[in-house]
């Protein structure tokens, strides 16, 4: 605020000028910020006069952003396969809260569907879908993978979609790979007379 440090005596045609900073908080869908300054002066005979002027600040819409990660635990499975736990994390990197509207896996389907038959031990559908600023939505699910050591690695991609309160959407995806490792063969021999 530079207003207290300015000369308060104004010559004819002179101007008192100063600046100050203020933090404003608002939403693009809400009302504009308005405030009014009122100045009062008096002449040498003590006669006062006042004038005021309003200022309006509008809020621009900022599009939401999210960051999605996917981790396989473990990321290697001995042939012919086994159960893998997948950890999903969706971080809200926006300036306002967002709501997770879709969480789809290209192999295992809708992770927010409690009746999804392709997965087990799924807690993605139990988590709150509202993600605060800087907060992270996390969940896990189990999936049965099958393959041999010579087969291609298993890959799947999860895609998250989140909306802000203006209906703008943010989308991000993450891919995880699970490798099938060789299992040494075993045999059992029995001989009887």
Protein backbone atom coordinates (compact mmCIF):
# COMPACT_ATOMS: atom_id res chain seq x y z
CA UNK A 1 0.00 0.00 0.00
CA UNK A 2 1.60 3.28 -1.15
CA UNK A 3 -1.36 5.49 -0.20
CA UNK A 4 -0.12 6.56 3.28
CA UNK A 5 3.22 7.75 1.89
CA UNK A 6 1.81 10.14 -0.75
CA UNK A 7 1.56 13.94 -0.26
CA UNK A 8 -1.99 14.85 0.74
CA UNK A 9 -1.89 18.51 -0.34
CA UNK A 10 -3.08 18.83 -3.93
CA UNK A 11 -2.31 21.82 -6.14
CA UNK A 12 -4.89 23.08 -8.61
CA UNK A 13 -5.24 20.38 -11.25
CA UNK A 14 -3.05 18.04 -9.19
CA UNK A 15 -3.72 14.35 -8.68
CA UNK A 16 -3.24 12.09 -5.68
CA UNK A 17 -2.17 8.67 -6.96
CA UNK A 18 -1.39 5.50 -5.05
CA UNK A 19 -1.64 1.74 -5.33
CA UNK A 20 -2.30 -1.23 -3.06
CA UNK A 21 -2.45 -5.00 -3.51
CA UNK A 22 -5.28 -7.23 -2.30
CA UNK A 23 -5.90 -10.95 -2.63
CA UNK A 24 -9.21 -11.85 -4.24
CA UNK A 25 -10.89 -15.24 -4.12
CA UNK A 26 -13.71 -16.25 -6.39
CA UNK A 27 -15.06 -18.59 -9.01
CA UNK A 28 -15.63 -18.15 -12.72
CA UNK A 29 -19.24 -19.17 -12.24
CA UNK A 30 -19.76 -16.74 -9.35
CA UNK A 31 -20.31 -12.98 -9.21
CA UNK A 32 -17.55 -10.52 -10.11
CA UNK A 33 -15.62 -8.83 -7.31
CA UNK A 34 -16.61 -5.18 -6.82
CA UNK A 35 -15.34 -2.52 -4.46
CA UNK A 36 -15.64 1.25 -4.25
CA UNK A 37 -13.14 3.83 -3.07
CA UNK A 38 -14.35 7.13 -1.62
CA UNK A 39 -12.05 10.17 -1.40
CA UNK A 40 -12.78 13.28 0.67
CA UNK A 41 -10.85 16.57 0.45
CA UNK A 42 -11.31 20.06 1.86
CA UNK A 43 -10.17 23.45 0.70
CA UNK A 44 -8.44 26.16 2.71
CA UNK A 45 -11.75 27.24 4.22
CA UNK A 46 -12.52 23.74 5.41
CA UNK A 47 -15.21 23.01 2.82
CA UNK A 48 -15.28 19.25 2.16
CA UNK A 49 -16.08 17.49 -1.06
CA UNK A 50 -16.19 13.77 -1.77
CA UNK A 51 -16.22 11.55 -4.80
CA UNK A 52 -16.14 7.79 -5.27
CA UNK A 53 -15.39 5.32 -8.01
CA UNK A 54 -16.08 1.58 -8.23
CA UNK A 55 -13.84 -1.09 -9.71
CA UNK A 56 -14.88 -4.53 -10.96
CA UNK A 57 -12.67 -7.60 -11.26
CA UNK A 58 -14.01 -10.63 -13.11
CA UNK A 59 -12.76 -14.17 -12.59
CA UNK A 60 -11.46 -16.10 -15.60
CA UNK A 61 -12.19 -19.79 -15.93
CA UNK A 62 -9.13 -22.02 -15.39
CA UNK A 63 -9.34 -25.47 -16.96
CA UNK A 64 -8.82 -28.41 -14.59
CA UNK A 65 -5.76 -30.67 -14.72
CA UNK A 66 -5.10 -34.11 -13.25
CA UNK A 67 -2.17 -36.51 -13.14
CA UNK A 68 -2.80 -40.26 -13.21
CA UNK A 69 -0.39 -43.04 -12.22
CA UNK A 70 -0.76 -46.82 -12.22
CA UNK A 71 1.48 -49.30 -10.39
CA UNK A 72 1.47 -53.10 -10.56
CA UNK A 73 2.32 -55.05 -7.41
CA UNK A 74 4.21 -57.18 -8.33
CA UNK A 75 5.28 -56.16 -11.82
CA UNK A 76 6.55 -59.66 -12.69
CA UNK A 77 4.57 -62.90 -12.54
CA UNK A 78 5.90 -66.42 -12.99
CA UNK A 79 4.26 -68.39 -15.80
CA UNK A 80 1.49 -69.45 -16.27
CA UNK A 81 0.29 -66.36 -14.38
CA UNK A 82 -1.14 -65.15 -11.10
CA UNK A 83 -2.98 -62.35 -9.32
CA UNK A 84 -1.61 -58.82 -9.52
CA UNK A 85 -2.73 -55.82 -7.45
CA UNK A 86 -2.96 -52.55 -9.37
CA UNK A 87 -2.68 -49.24 -7.52
CA UNK A 88 -4.35 -46.24 -9.16
CA UNK A 89 -3.64 -42.63 -8.14
CA UNK A 90 -5.36 -39.55 -9.60
CA UNK A 91 -3.91 -36.26 -8.33
CA UNK A 92 -5.84 -33.00 -8.67
CA UNK A 93 -3.32 -30.43 -9.93
CA UNK A 94 -6.07 -27.84 -10.57
CA UNK A 95 -6.80 -24.60 -8.74
CA UNK A 96 -10.21 -25.85 -7.55
CA UNK A 97 -11.76 -29.17 -6.50
CA UNK A 98 -12.74 -31.65 -9.20
CA UNK A 99 -15.04 -34.66 -9.34
CA UNK A 100 -13.86 -37.95 -10.79
CA UNK A 101 -16.48 -38.98 -13.35
CA UNK A 102 -14.78 -41.87 -15.18
CA UNK A 103 -12.05 -44.36 -14.33
CA UNK A 104 -11.76 -46.91 -17.12
CA UNK A 105 -9.16 -49.57 -17.81
CA UNK A 106 -8.71 -50.68 -21.41
CA UNK A 107 -8.41 -54.32 -20.30
CA UNK A 108 -10.47 -54.55 -17.12
CA UNK A 109 -13.26 -52.05 -17.82
CA UNK A 110 -15.04 -49.58 -15.54
CA UNK A 111 -13.20 -49.44 -12.22
CA UNK A 112 -16.00 -47.40 -10.60
CA UNK A 113 -18.49 -50.21 -11.28
CA UNK A 114 -18.94 -52.28 -8.10
CA UNK A 115 -20.29 -55.17 -10.22
CA UNK A 116 -17.29 -55.30 -12.58
CA UNK A 117 -16.71 -59.05 -13.07
CA UNK A 118 -13.23 -58.69 -14.56
CA UNK A 119 -11.58 -57.70 -11.26
CA UNK A 120 -11.67 -58.55 -7.56
CA UNK A 121 -10.93 -56.81 -4.26
CA UNK A 122 -11.85 -53.53 -5.95
CA UNK A 123 -12.10 -50.51 -3.65
CA UNK A 124 -12.15 -47.88 -6.43
CA UNK A 125 -15.94 -47.70 -6.26
CA UNK A 126 -15.82 -47.07 -2.49
CA UNK A 127 -13.67 -43.92 -2.56
CA UNK A 128 -15.05 -40.34 -2.51
CA UNK A 129 -14.97 -39.00 -6.06
CA UNK A 130 -14.47 -35.36 -5.06
CA UNK A 131 -10.75 -34.54 -5.11
CA UNK A 132 -9.60 -31.36 -3.37
CA UNK A 133 -6.88 -29.08 -4.63
CA UNK A 134 -3.57 -30.94 -4.37
CA UNK A 135 -5.32 -34.07 -3.08
CA UNK A 136 -5.11 -37.55 -4.61
CA UNK A 137 -7.76 -40.19 -5.27
CA UNK A 138 -6.20 -43.63 -4.66
CA UNK A 139 -7.59 -47.12 -5.00
CA UNK A 140 -6.56 -50.70 -5.72
CA UNK A 141 -7.96 -53.73 -7.48
CA UNK A 142 -6.79 -57.29 -8.14
CA UNK A 143 -6.72 -58.94 -11.54
CA UNK A 144 -5.77 -62.43 -12.68
CA UNK A 145 -3.14 -62.45 -15.43
CA UNK A 146 -2.09 -65.46 -17.48
CA UNK A 147 0.83 -65.89 -19.86
CA UNK A 148 4.07 -67.66 -20.55
CA UNK A 149 7.62 -66.38 -20.39
CA UNK A 150 7.83 -66.23 -24.18
CA UNK A 151 4.56 -64.34 -24.53
CA UNK A 152 4.34 -60.55 -24.87
CA UNK A 153 4.27 -58.61 -21.62
CA UNK A 154 0.84 -57.73 -20.23
CA UNK A 155 0.00 -54.03 -20.59
CA UNK A 156 -3.07 -52.11 -19.56
CA UNK A 157 -3.94 -48.43 -19.48
CA UNK A 158 -6.24 -46.63 -17.07
CA UNK A 159 -7.90 -43.38 -18.15
CA UNK A 160 -9.28 -40.92 -15.60
CA UNK A 161 -11.71 -38.08 -16.33
CA UNK A 162 -12.51 -35.35 -13.80
CA UNK A 163 -14.81 -32.31 -14.04
CA UNK A 164 -14.70 -28.94 -12.29
CA UNK A 165 -17.79 -27.03 -11.14
CA UNK A 166 -18.09 -25.29 -14.51
CA UNK A 167 -18.32 -28.66 -16.28
CA UNK A 168 -14.83 -28.52 -17.81
CA UNK A 169 -13.16 -31.93 -18.09
CA UNK A 170 -9.58 -33.03 -17.55
CA UNK A 171 -8.31 -36.38 -18.82
CA UNK A 172 -5.11 -38.26 -18.13
CA UNK A 173 -4.02 -41.88 -18.51
CA UNK A 174 -1.30 -44.18 -17.25
CA UNK A 175 0.00 -47.50 -18.57
CA UNK A 176 1.55 -50.30 -16.54
CA UNK A 177 3.42 -53.40 -17.74
CA UNK A 178 3.61 -56.80 -16.08
CA UNK A 179 6.27 -59.21 -17.33
CA UNK A 180 5.89 -62.99 -17.33
CA UNK A 181 8.97 -64.80 -16.05
CA UNK A 182 10.14 -68.33 -16.74
CA UNK A 183 9.28 -71.02 -14.25
CA UNK A 184 11.74 -73.92 -14.00
CA UNK A 185 9.99 -77.23 -14.78
CA UNK A 186 9.66 -79.90 -12.11
CA UNK A 187 8.77 -83.57 -12.33
CA UNK A 188 8.11 -86.36 -9.87
CA UNK A 189 9.16 -89.96 -10.57
CA UNK A 190 7.91 -92.99 -8.68
CA UNK A 191 9.04 -96.57 -9.13
CA UNK A 192 7.56 -99.61 -7.49
CA UNK A 193 8.64 -103.28 -7.77
